[in-house]
N, C-alpha and C. Protein backbone atom coordinates (compact mmCIF):
# COMPACT_ATOMS: atom_id res chain seq x y z
N MET A 1 98.97 75.52 135.54
CA MET A 1 99.31 76.70 134.78
C MET A 1 100.16 76.35 133.58
N PHE A 2 101.08 75.42 133.70
CA PHE A 2 101.92 75.00 132.59
C PHE A 2 101.76 73.51 132.39
N ASN A 3 100.68 73.10 131.73
CA ASN A 3 100.43 71.67 131.59
C ASN A 3 100.43 71.18 130.16
N ARG A 4 100.53 72.06 129.20
CA ARG A 4 100.59 71.65 127.81
C ARG A 4 101.97 71.94 127.24
N LYS A 5 102.27 71.29 126.13
CA LYS A 5 103.56 71.51 125.48
C LYS A 5 103.74 72.97 125.10
N SER A 6 102.65 73.64 124.67
CA SER A 6 102.73 75.04 124.27
C SER A 6 102.94 75.97 125.46
N ASP A 7 102.72 75.46 126.69
CA ASP A 7 102.92 76.27 127.89
C ASP A 7 104.35 76.22 128.40
N LYS A 8 105.26 75.68 127.62
CA LYS A 8 106.66 75.61 128.05
C LYS A 8 107.18 77.02 128.30
N LEU A 9 107.64 77.27 129.52
CA LEU A 9 108.12 78.58 129.90
C LEU A 9 109.46 78.83 129.24
N GLU A 10 109.50 79.76 128.30
CA GLU A 10 110.70 80.05 127.53
C GLU A 10 111.46 81.27 128.04
N MET A 11 110.74 82.23 128.63
CA MET A 11 111.39 83.47 129.03
C MET A 11 110.73 84.02 130.28
N VAL A 12 111.55 84.44 131.24
CA VAL A 12 111.05 85.09 132.46
C VAL A 12 111.82 86.38 132.65
N LEU A 13 111.10 87.46 132.91
CA LEU A 13 111.73 88.73 133.26
C LEU A 13 111.28 89.04 134.68
N GLY A 14 112.23 88.99 135.62
CA GLY A 14 111.94 89.16 137.03
C GLY A 14 111.47 90.54 137.41
N GLU A 15 110.92 90.63 138.62
CA GLU A 15 110.31 91.85 139.13
C GLU A 15 111.26 93.05 139.14
N ASN A 16 112.51 92.84 139.44
CA ASN A 16 113.47 93.94 139.53
C ASN A 16 114.28 94.12 138.24
N SER A 17 113.77 93.57 137.14
CA SER A 17 114.48 93.64 135.86
C SER A 17 113.77 94.57 134.89
N LYS A 18 114.58 95.14 133.99
CA LYS A 18 114.06 96.05 132.97
C LYS A 18 114.80 95.75 131.67
N THR A 19 114.08 95.75 130.55
CA THR A 19 114.73 95.53 129.27
C THR A 19 114.08 96.40 128.20
N THR A 20 114.86 96.70 127.17
CA THR A 20 114.38 97.46 126.03
C THR A 20 114.61 96.64 124.78
N GLY A 21 113.58 96.52 123.95
CA GLY A 21 113.70 95.75 122.71
C GLY A 21 112.56 94.76 122.60
N ASP A 22 112.40 94.22 121.40
CA ASP A 22 111.33 93.26 121.14
C ASP A 22 111.72 91.87 121.62
N VAL A 23 110.72 91.11 122.08
CA VAL A 23 110.93 89.75 122.58
C VAL A 23 110.01 88.82 121.79
N GLU A 24 110.59 87.75 121.22
CA GLU A 24 109.83 86.73 120.50
C GLU A 24 110.17 85.36 121.07
N SER A 25 109.13 84.52 121.22
CA SER A 25 109.33 83.18 121.75
C SER A 25 108.27 82.24 121.19
N LEU A 26 108.62 80.98 121.02
CA LEU A 26 107.66 79.98 120.58
C LEU A 26 106.86 79.43 121.76
N GLY A 27 107.29 79.72 122.97
CA GLY A 27 106.62 79.23 124.17
C GLY A 27 105.98 80.37 124.95
N THR A 28 105.96 80.19 126.27
CA THR A 28 105.33 81.15 127.18
C THR A 28 106.34 82.18 127.66
N ILE A 29 105.91 83.43 127.71
CA ILE A 29 106.71 84.54 128.23
C ILE A 29 106.04 85.03 129.51
N LEU A 30 106.78 85.04 130.61
CA LEU A 30 106.28 85.54 131.89
C LEU A 30 107.04 86.81 132.23
N VAL A 31 106.31 87.91 132.43
CA VAL A 31 106.92 89.20 132.72
C VAL A 31 106.46 89.67 134.10
N GLU A 32 107.42 89.93 134.96
CA GLU A 32 107.15 90.54 136.26
C GLU A 32 107.82 91.91 136.35
N GLY A 33 108.74 92.21 135.45
CA GLY A 33 109.48 93.48 135.43
C GLY A 33 108.93 94.43 134.39
N SER A 34 109.82 95.24 133.81
CA SER A 34 109.44 96.27 132.84
C SER A 34 110.06 96.00 131.48
N ILE A 35 109.25 96.19 130.45
CA ILE A 35 109.72 96.03 129.07
C ILE A 35 109.28 97.23 128.25
N LEU A 36 110.22 97.79 127.51
CA LEU A 36 109.94 98.82 126.52
C LEU A 36 110.18 98.17 125.18
N GLY A 37 109.12 97.64 124.58
CA GLY A 37 109.23 96.91 123.33
C GLY A 37 108.05 95.97 123.16
N ASN A 38 108.00 95.30 122.05
CA ASN A 38 106.89 94.40 121.71
C ASN A 38 107.18 92.98 122.18
N LEU A 39 106.10 92.25 122.50
CA LEU A 39 106.20 90.85 122.90
C LEU A 39 105.40 89.99 121.94
N GLN A 40 105.99 88.87 121.54
CA GLN A 40 105.27 87.92 120.69
C GLN A 40 105.61 86.52 121.15
N GLY A 41 104.58 85.73 121.45
CA GLY A 41 104.81 84.37 121.91
C GLY A 41 103.56 83.53 121.79
N GLU A 42 103.67 82.27 122.16
CA GLU A 42 102.52 81.38 122.19
C GLU A 42 101.54 81.86 123.27
N LYS A 43 102.10 82.20 124.43
CA LYS A 43 101.32 82.69 125.56
C LYS A 43 102.13 83.77 126.26
N VAL A 44 101.50 84.89 126.63
CA VAL A 44 102.17 85.96 127.34
C VAL A 44 101.42 86.22 128.64
N ILE A 45 102.17 86.24 129.74
CA ILE A 45 101.60 86.48 131.06
C ILE A 45 102.30 87.68 131.67
N LEU A 46 101.52 88.70 132.05
CA LEU A 46 102.06 89.85 132.76
C LEU A 46 101.61 89.75 134.21
N GLY A 47 102.57 89.67 135.13
CA GLY A 47 102.27 89.63 136.55
C GLY A 47 101.83 91.00 137.06
N GLU A 48 101.44 91.06 138.35
CA GLU A 48 100.93 92.29 138.94
C GLU A 48 101.91 93.45 138.89
N LYS A 49 103.20 93.19 139.01
CA LYS A 49 104.22 94.25 139.02
C LYS A 49 104.74 94.58 137.62
N ALA A 50 104.27 93.86 136.60
CA ALA A 50 104.77 94.03 135.24
C ALA A 50 104.32 95.36 134.63
N SER A 51 105.18 95.91 133.78
CA SER A 51 104.87 97.13 133.04
C SER A 51 105.44 96.97 131.63
N VAL A 52 104.58 97.12 130.63
CA VAL A 52 105.00 96.99 129.24
C VAL A 52 104.54 98.21 128.46
N LYS A 53 105.47 98.83 127.73
CA LYS A 53 105.13 99.87 126.76
C LYS A 53 105.48 99.29 125.40
N GLY A 54 104.47 98.76 124.74
CA GLY A 54 104.65 98.10 123.46
C GLY A 54 103.45 97.21 123.20
N ASP A 55 103.44 96.58 122.05
CA ASP A 55 102.33 95.72 121.66
C ASP A 55 102.61 94.27 122.08
N ILE A 56 101.52 93.52 122.32
CA ILE A 56 101.63 92.10 122.67
C ILE A 56 100.79 91.31 121.68
N SER A 57 101.40 90.27 121.11
CA SER A 57 100.70 89.38 120.20
C SER A 57 100.98 87.94 120.62
N ALA A 58 99.89 87.17 120.87
CA ALA A 58 100.04 85.78 121.30
C ALA A 58 98.72 85.06 121.10
N ASN A 59 98.76 83.74 121.17
CA ASN A 59 97.51 82.99 121.11
C ASN A 59 96.65 83.29 122.33
N SER A 60 97.28 83.34 123.51
CA SER A 60 96.54 83.73 124.71
C SER A 60 97.39 84.70 125.53
N ILE A 61 96.69 85.66 126.15
CA ILE A 61 97.35 86.71 126.92
C ILE A 61 96.64 86.80 128.27
N SER A 62 97.43 86.89 129.34
CA SER A 62 96.89 87.10 130.68
C SER A 62 97.58 88.33 131.27
N ILE A 63 96.78 89.33 131.68
CA ILE A 63 97.32 90.60 132.15
C ILE A 63 96.89 90.84 133.59
N ALA A 64 97.88 91.03 134.47
CA ALA A 64 97.61 91.46 135.84
C ALA A 64 98.32 92.78 136.13
N GLY A 65 99.21 93.19 135.25
CA GLY A 65 99.99 94.41 135.42
C GLY A 65 99.53 95.52 134.50
N ARG A 66 100.47 96.35 134.09
CA ARG A 66 100.18 97.54 133.27
C ARG A 66 100.71 97.35 131.85
N ILE A 67 99.89 97.72 130.87
CA ILE A 67 100.30 97.67 129.47
C ILE A 67 99.82 98.94 128.77
N GLU A 68 100.75 99.54 128.00
CA GLU A 68 100.41 100.65 127.11
C GLU A 68 100.76 100.19 125.71
N GLY A 69 99.74 99.72 124.99
CA GLY A 69 99.96 99.20 123.65
C GLY A 69 98.77 98.37 123.19
N ILE A 70 98.91 97.81 122.03
CA ILE A 70 97.85 97.00 121.42
C ILE A 70 98.03 95.54 121.84
N LEU A 71 96.92 94.91 122.20
CA LEU A 71 96.92 93.48 122.54
C LEU A 71 96.21 92.71 121.43
N ILE A 72 96.90 91.71 120.87
CA ILE A 72 96.28 90.83 119.89
C ILE A 72 96.36 89.41 120.46
N GLY A 73 95.26 88.97 121.05
CA GLY A 73 95.16 87.61 121.60
C GLY A 73 94.35 86.77 120.63
N LYS A 74 95.03 85.98 119.82
CA LYS A 74 94.35 85.25 118.75
C LYS A 74 93.24 84.36 119.26
N ASN A 75 93.41 83.76 120.46
CA ASN A 75 92.36 82.93 121.05
C ASN A 75 91.68 83.61 122.22
N SER A 76 92.47 84.19 123.14
CA SER A 76 91.85 84.76 124.33
C SER A 76 92.72 85.82 124.98
N VAL A 77 92.04 86.71 125.72
CA VAL A 77 92.69 87.70 126.57
C VAL A 77 92.00 87.63 127.93
N GLU A 78 92.81 87.46 128.97
CA GLU A 78 92.31 87.41 130.34
C GLU A 78 92.84 88.63 131.07
N ILE A 79 91.94 89.43 131.64
CA ILE A 79 92.32 90.66 132.33
C ILE A 79 92.00 90.50 133.81
N LYS A 80 93.04 90.47 134.63
CA LYS A 80 92.88 90.31 136.08
C LYS A 80 92.45 91.63 136.71
N GLY A 81 91.99 91.59 137.94
CA GLY A 81 91.50 92.77 138.64
C GLY A 81 92.53 93.85 138.89
N THR A 82 93.80 93.49 138.87
CA THR A 82 94.88 94.47 139.09
C THR A 82 95.41 95.07 137.80
N ALA A 83 94.86 94.65 136.67
CA ALA A 83 95.37 95.08 135.36
C ALA A 83 95.03 96.54 135.07
N ARG A 84 95.95 97.18 134.35
CA ARG A 84 95.78 98.55 133.86
C ARG A 84 96.14 98.53 132.38
N ILE A 85 95.15 98.65 131.51
CA ILE A 85 95.37 98.53 130.07
C ILE A 85 95.01 99.84 129.39
N PHE A 86 95.98 100.38 128.65
CA PHE A 86 95.79 101.61 127.90
C PHE A 86 96.14 101.31 126.44
N GLY A 87 95.15 100.84 125.71
CA GLY A 87 95.35 100.46 124.31
C GLY A 87 94.21 99.56 123.86
N ASP A 88 94.22 99.23 122.60
CA ASP A 88 93.14 98.43 122.02
C ASP A 88 93.40 96.93 122.17
N ILE A 89 92.30 96.17 122.19
CA ILE A 89 92.37 94.71 122.32
C ILE A 89 91.66 94.09 121.13
N TYR A 90 92.32 93.12 120.50
CA TYR A 90 91.75 92.33 119.42
C TYR A 90 91.82 90.87 119.84
N THR A 91 90.67 90.21 119.94
CA THR A 91 90.65 88.82 120.39
C THR A 91 89.33 88.16 120.03
N LYS A 92 89.29 86.84 120.15
CA LYS A 92 88.05 86.09 119.94
C LYS A 92 87.27 85.95 121.24
N SER A 93 87.99 85.90 122.37
CA SER A 93 87.36 85.68 123.66
C SER A 93 88.07 86.52 124.71
N MET A 94 87.29 87.19 125.58
CA MET A 94 87.90 88.04 126.60
C MET A 94 87.15 87.89 127.91
N THR A 95 87.92 87.83 129.01
CA THR A 95 87.34 87.89 130.34
C THR A 95 88.02 89.03 131.09
N MET A 96 87.22 89.78 131.87
CA MET A 96 87.77 90.89 132.62
C MET A 96 87.21 90.83 134.04
N MET A 97 88.11 90.85 135.01
CA MET A 97 87.74 90.79 136.41
C MET A 97 87.42 92.18 136.94
N ASP A 98 86.60 92.22 137.98
CA ASP A 98 86.23 93.45 138.64
C ASP A 98 87.47 94.14 139.19
N GLY A 99 87.56 95.45 139.00
CA GLY A 99 88.70 96.23 139.48
C GLY A 99 89.69 96.59 138.39
N ALA A 100 89.65 95.90 137.27
CA ALA A 100 90.57 96.18 136.16
C ALA A 100 90.23 97.52 135.53
N ILE A 101 91.26 98.17 134.99
CA ILE A 101 91.08 99.41 134.24
C ILE A 101 91.44 99.13 132.79
N PHE A 102 90.51 99.44 131.90
CA PHE A 102 90.73 99.25 130.46
C PHE A 102 90.28 100.52 129.75
N ASN A 103 91.23 101.20 129.13
CA ASN A 103 90.94 102.42 128.39
C ASN A 103 91.37 102.20 126.95
N GLY A 104 90.43 101.84 126.10
CA GLY A 104 90.73 101.56 124.71
C GLY A 104 89.52 100.96 124.03
N MET A 105 89.73 100.40 122.88
CA MET A 105 88.68 99.77 122.09
C MET A 105 88.89 98.26 122.12
N CYS A 106 87.80 97.52 122.12
CA CYS A 106 87.90 96.06 122.04
C CYS A 106 87.18 95.60 120.78
N CYS A 107 87.87 94.81 119.98
CA CYS A 107 87.30 94.27 118.75
C CYS A 107 87.34 92.75 118.82
N MET A 108 86.16 92.14 118.76
CA MET A 108 86.08 90.69 118.80
C MET A 108 85.56 90.15 117.47
N ASP A 109 85.82 90.90 116.40
CA ASP A 109 85.41 90.55 115.06
C ASP A 109 86.32 89.44 114.54
N ASN A 110 85.73 88.41 114.04
CA ASN A 110 86.48 87.27 113.53
C ASN A 110 86.48 87.27 112.00
N SER A 111 86.50 88.45 111.40
CA SER A 111 86.45 88.54 109.95
C SER A 111 87.74 88.00 109.33
N PRO A 112 87.68 87.51 108.12
CA PRO A 112 88.88 86.93 107.49
C PRO A 112 89.96 87.94 107.15
N HIS A 113 89.68 89.24 107.28
CA HIS A 113 90.68 90.25 106.94
C HIS A 113 91.10 91.07 108.15
N GLY A 114 90.62 90.73 109.33
CA GLY A 114 90.96 91.46 110.54
C GLY A 114 92.31 91.03 111.10
N PRO A 115 92.73 91.64 112.21
CA PRO A 115 94.05 91.34 112.80
C PRO A 115 94.15 89.93 113.37
N LEU A 116 93.02 89.24 113.57
CA LEU A 116 93.05 87.88 114.10
C LEU A 116 93.15 86.82 113.02
N ALA A 117 92.99 87.22 111.76
CA ALA A 117 93.01 86.27 110.65
C ALA A 117 94.42 85.73 110.43
N SER A 118 94.48 84.48 110.08
CA SER A 118 95.78 83.89 109.76
C SER A 118 96.19 84.32 108.37
N GLU A 119 97.45 84.11 108.03
CA GLU A 119 97.93 84.49 106.70
C GLU A 119 97.18 83.74 105.61
N ALA A 120 96.80 82.49 105.89
CA ALA A 120 96.07 81.69 104.91
C ALA A 120 94.69 82.28 104.64
N ASP A 121 94.08 82.88 105.68
CA ASP A 121 92.77 83.50 105.52
C ASP A 121 92.84 84.79 104.71
N GLN A 122 94.00 85.39 104.62
CA GLN A 122 94.13 86.69 103.98
C GLN A 122 94.64 86.60 102.54
N LYS A 123 94.49 85.46 101.91
CA LYS A 123 94.92 85.31 100.52
C LYS A 123 94.11 86.23 99.62
N VAL A 124 94.79 86.82 98.69
CA VAL A 124 94.16 87.72 97.73
C VAL A 124 94.23 87.07 96.36
N LEU A 125 93.11 87.06 95.68
CA LEU A 125 93.08 86.49 94.34
C LEU A 125 93.40 87.59 93.34
N ASP A 126 94.27 87.29 92.41
CA ASP A 126 94.66 88.26 91.40
C ASP A 126 94.07 87.81 90.06
N PHE A 127 93.09 88.56 89.60
CA PHE A 127 92.46 88.23 88.33
C PHE A 127 93.10 89.05 87.23
N LYS A 128 93.64 88.37 86.23
CA LYS A 128 94.25 89.06 85.09
C LYS A 128 93.29 88.99 83.93
N ALA A 129 93.18 90.09 83.24
CA ALA A 129 92.31 90.15 82.07
C ALA A 129 92.88 89.28 80.97
N SER A 130 92.04 88.47 80.40
CA SER A 130 92.51 87.66 79.29
C SER A 130 92.61 88.55 78.04
N GLU A 131 93.38 88.12 77.07
CA GLU A 131 93.55 88.92 75.86
C GLU A 131 92.23 89.11 75.12
N GLU A 132 91.39 88.05 75.15
CA GLU A 132 90.10 88.17 74.46
C GLU A 132 89.20 89.16 75.17
N GLY A 133 89.17 89.09 76.52
CA GLY A 133 88.29 89.96 77.30
C GLY A 133 88.77 91.40 77.30
N ALA A 134 90.05 91.63 77.06
CA ALA A 134 90.60 92.98 77.11
C ALA A 134 90.36 93.74 75.83
N GLN A 135 89.95 93.06 74.75
CA GLN A 135 89.79 93.74 73.47
C GLN A 135 88.52 94.47 73.35
């Protein structure tokens, strides 16, 4: 489960814990308790007892608990059979186990201007009219 450098467990919220506010981490976030706020990390894992009211953004997301919010899994979203998801999902790859509840929209569009695009992909070119062309 934690075999790569990016899987370094940076934050754990236990089953009997509750917090309010946004959480950001460069590593893995494991939630077993309740969070009212947004999560952003390399990898986010919600256990069966987890409850989140907020958005989650990570390279990979694994959900076994309850989430009310938008999921942006840049690489993948894994939905376990005990998951309850009420919100939209944006990802390149998704797996959903039998028994899961998902009420929302799923977008797997890899367009350069969608929510999965990197900042480098979203560069905008600014064309200025030359003085000769403007006359």
